[in-house]
Amino acid sequence: MATDYDEVRPDVAEASEKTLKDVQKIDAPTAKSVNTELDETDVSDGLELPGAIVDEELSVDVVPQGEDEFVCVECFTIRHRSQAEEKTKSGVICRDCVLEYA
């Protein structure tokens, strides 16, 4: 006799049907009522949250790499030459990256 493994087992089907009936009995809010409640309790109008983006122009001073600095080829940060730990074909690796990947 062939068995259909895709067929839902009777105990699972009954449990699913019972759960569906239970959910239908619950007085769940409708999308319109939830939207209305959210509109009524919206207090964020006119308030500025900390860290919010402001419509102001930002200015950043860019400082060029110094002669005693290098860019680590692992973490791509500018380090002082005293932090140079290992020289490879691709460039210099800083002390932190050598310790991290060792």
C-alpha atoms as a PDB file:
ATOM      1  CA  MET A   1       0.000   0.000   0.000  1.00  0.00           C
ATOM      2  CA  ALA A   2       1.356   3.418  -0.963  1.00  0.00           C
ATOM      3  CA  THR A   3       1.700   6.029   1.759  1.00  0.00           C
ATOM      4  CA  ASP A   4       1.231   9.728   1.105  1.00  0.00           C
ATOM      5  CA  TYR A   5       3.817  11.398   3.338  1.00  0.00           C
ATOM      6  CA  ASP A   6       2.598  14.884   2.383  1.00  0.00           C
ATOM      7  CA  GLU A   7      -0.845  14.268   3.843  1.00  0.00           C
ATOM      8  CA  VAL A   8      -1.522  15.985   7.167  1.00  0.00           C
ATOM      9  CA  ARG A   9      -1.756  13.601  10.089  1.00  0.00           C
ATOM     10  CA  PRO A  10      -5.261  13.446  11.629  1.00  0.00           C
ATOM     11  CA  ASP A  11      -4.123  14.570  15.106  1.00  0.00           C
ATOM     12  CA  VAL A  12      -2.315  17.589  13.637  1.00  0.00           C
ATOM     13  CA  ALA A  13      -5.310  18.467  11.454  1.00  0.00           C
ATOM     14  CA  GLU A  14      -7.633  18.385  14.473  1.00  0.00           C
ATOM     15  CA  ALA A  15      -5.287  20.528  16.542  1.00  0.00           C
ATOM     16  CA  SER A  16      -4.970  23.039  13.687  1.00  0.00           C
ATOM     17  CA  GLU A  17      -8.733  23.207  13.277  1.00  0.00           C
ATOM     18  CA  LYS A  18      -9.219  23.726  17.029  1.00  0.00           C
ATOM     19  CA  THR A  19      -6.603  26.478  17.065  1.00  0.00           C
ATOM     20  CA  LEU A  20      -8.252  28.182  14.104  1.00  0.00           C
ATOM     21  CA  LYS A  21     -11.627  28.131  15.873  1.00  0.00           C
ATOM     22  CA  ASP A  22     -10.045  29.548  19.043  1.00  0.00           C
ATOM     23  CA  VAL A  23      -8.442  32.365  17.103  1.00  0.00           C
ATOM     24  CA  GLN A  24     -11.695  33.175  15.350  1.00  0.00           C
ATOM     25  CA  LYS A  25     -13.457  33.421  18.733  1.00  0.00           C
ATOM     26  CA  ILE A  26     -10.985  36.028  20.007  1.00  0.00           C
ATOM     27  CA  ASP A  27     -12.164  39.598  19.596  1.00  0.00           C
ATOM     28  CA  ALA A  28      -9.079  40.814  17.730  1.00  0.00           C
ATOM     29  CA  PRO A  29      -8.752  44.485  16.837  1.00  0.00           C
ATOM     30  CA  THR A  30      -9.173  45.462  13.216  1.00  0.00           C
ATOM     31  CA  ALA A  31      -6.546  47.324  11.236  1.00  0.00           C
ATOM     32  CA  LYS A  32      -8.655  50.500  11.285  1.00  0.00           C
ATOM     33  CA  SER A  33      -9.081  50.452  15.067  1.00  0.00           C
ATOM     34  CA  VAL A  34      -5.356  49.940  15.617  1.00  0.00           C
ATOM     35  CA  ASN A  35      -4.536  52.767  13.222  1.00  0.00           C
ATOM     36  CA  THR A  36      -6.980  55.069  15.010  1.00  0.00           C
ATOM     37  CA  GLU A  37      -5.480  54.214  18.397  1.00  0.00           C
ATOM     38  CA  LEU A  38      -1.980  54.912  17.128  1.00  0.00           C
ATOM     39  CA  ASP A  39      -3.028  58.263  15.699  1.00  0.00           C
ATOM     40  CA  GLU A  40      -4.630  59.267  19.003  1.00  0.00           C
ATOM     41  CA  THR A  41      -1.586  58.364  21.087  1.00  0.00           C
ATOM     42  CA  ASP A  42       1.037  59.828  18.735  1.00  0.00           C
ATOM     43  CA  VAL A  43       2.933  62.298  20.928  1.00  0.00           C
ATOM     44  CA  SER A  44       6.067  62.551  18.824  1.00  0.00           C
ATOM     45  CA  ASP A  45       4.802  65.484  16.746  1.00  0.00           C
ATOM     46  CA  GLY A  46       7.110  68.421  17.308  1.00  0.00           C
ATOM     47  CA  LEU A  47       9.525  66.544  19.554  1.00  0.00           C
ATOM     48  CA  GLU A  48      13.126  66.075  18.550  1.00  0.00           C
ATOM     49  CA  LEU A  49      14.618  62.769  19.545  1.00  0.00           C
ATOM     50  CA  PRO A  50      18.243  62.582  20.700  1.00  0.00           C
ATOM     51  CA  GLY A  51      20.524  61.574  17.848  1.00  0.00           C
ATOM     52  CA  ALA A  52      17.988  62.559  15.215  1.00  0.00           C
ATOM     53  CA  ILE A  53      19.211  63.791  11.867  1.00  0.00           C
ATOM     54  CA  VAL A  54      19.017  67.554  11.671  1.00  0.00           C
ATOM     55  CA  ASP A  55      18.739  69.512   8.437  1.00  0.00           C
ATOM     56  CA  GLU A  56      22.030  71.280   9.055  1.00  0.00           C
ATOM     57  CA  GLU A  57      25.176  71.106   7.031  1.00  0.00           C
ATOM     58  CA  LEU A  58      27.943  69.134   8.689  1.00  0.00           C
ATOM     59  CA  SER A  59      31.553  70.157   8.369  1.00  0.00           C
ATOM     60  CA  VAL A  60      34.463  67.820   8.988  1.00  0.00           C
ATOM     61  CA  ASP A  61      38.118  68.744   9.016  1.00  0.00           C
ATOM     62  CA  VAL A  62      40.129  66.175   7.077  1.00  0.00           C
ATOM     63  CA  VAL A  63      43.658  65.776   8.348  1.00  0.00           C
ATOM     64  CA  PRO A  64      46.089  64.135   5.914  1.00  0.00           C
ATOM     65  CA  GLN A  65      48.122  61.110   6.961  1.00  0.00           C
ATOM     66  CA  GLY A  66      51.289  62.139   8.782  1.00  0.00           C
ATOM     67  CA  GLU A  67      54.784  61.069   7.817  1.00  0.00           C
ATOM     68  CA  ASP A  68      55.066  58.987  10.980  1.00  0.00           C
ATOM     69  CA  GLU A  69      51.759  57.159  10.323  1.00  0.00           C
ATOM     70  CA  PHE A  70      50.694  54.154   8.256  1.00  0.00           C
ATOM     71  CA  VAL A  71      47.426  52.506   7.211  1.00  0.00           C
ATOM     72  CA  CYS A  72      46.968  48.974   8.534  1.00  0.00           C
ATOM     73  CA  VAL A  73      46.096  46.584   5.698  1.00  0.00           C
ATOM     74  CA  GLU A  74      43.882  44.494   8.019  1.00  0.00           C
ATOM     75  CA  CYS A  75      41.690  47.043   9.825  1.00  0.00           C
ATOM     76  CA  PHE A  76      42.330  50.057   7.509  1.00  0.00           C
ATOM     77  CA  THR A  77      42.940  52.447  10.374  1.00  0.00           C
ATOM     78  CA  ILE A  78      45.685  55.048  10.458  1.00  0.00           C
ATOM     79  CA  ARG A  79      48.223  54.140  13.138  1.00  0.00           C
ATOM     80  CA  HIS A  80      51.417  55.670  14.467  1.00  0.00           C
ATOM     81  CA  ARG A  81      54.521  53.918  13.226  1.00  0.00           C
ATOM     82  CA  SER A  82      55.205  52.655  16.753  1.00  0.00           C
ATOM     83  CA  GLN A  83      52.110  50.424  16.286  1.00  0.00           C
ATOM     84  CA  ALA A  84      53.605  48.700  13.202  1.00  0.00           C
ATOM     85  CA  GLU A  85      54.095  45.042  13.990  1.00  0.00           C
ATOM     86  CA  GLU A  86      54.454  43.067  10.776  1.00  0.00           C
ATOM     87  CA  LYS A  87      55.323  43.939   7.187  1.00  0.00           C
ATOM     88  CA  THR A  88      53.760  41.857   4.418  1.00  0.00           C
ATOM     89  CA  LYS A  89      53.672  42.024   0.618  1.00  0.00           C
ATOM     90  CA  SER A  90      50.414  43.966   0.781  1.00  0.00           C
ATOM     91  CA  GLY A  91      51.545  46.434   3.458  1.00  0.00           C
ATOM     92  CA  VAL A  92      51.994  46.908   7.185  1.00  0.00           C
ATOM     93  CA  ILE A  93      49.821  45.256   9.850  1.00  0.00           C
ATOM     94  CA  CYS A  94      49.272  46.942  13.192  1.00  0.00           C
ATOM     95  CA  ARG A  95      49.983  45.372  16.579  1.00  0.00           C
ATOM     96  CA  ASP A  96      46.282  45.002  17.448  1.00  0.00           C
ATOM     97  CA  CYS A  97      45.514  43.009  14.283  1.00  0.00           C
ATOM     98  CA  VAL A  98      48.532  40.728  14.744  1.00  0.00           C
ATOM     99  CA  LEU A  99      47.420  39.950  18.305  1.00  0.00           C
ATOM    100  CA  GLU A 100      43.800  39.492  17.250  1.00  0.00           C
ATOM    101  CA  TYR A 101      44.497  37.065  14.402  1.00  0.00           C
ATOM    102  CA  ALA A 102      47.366  35.195  16.113  1.00  0.00           C
END
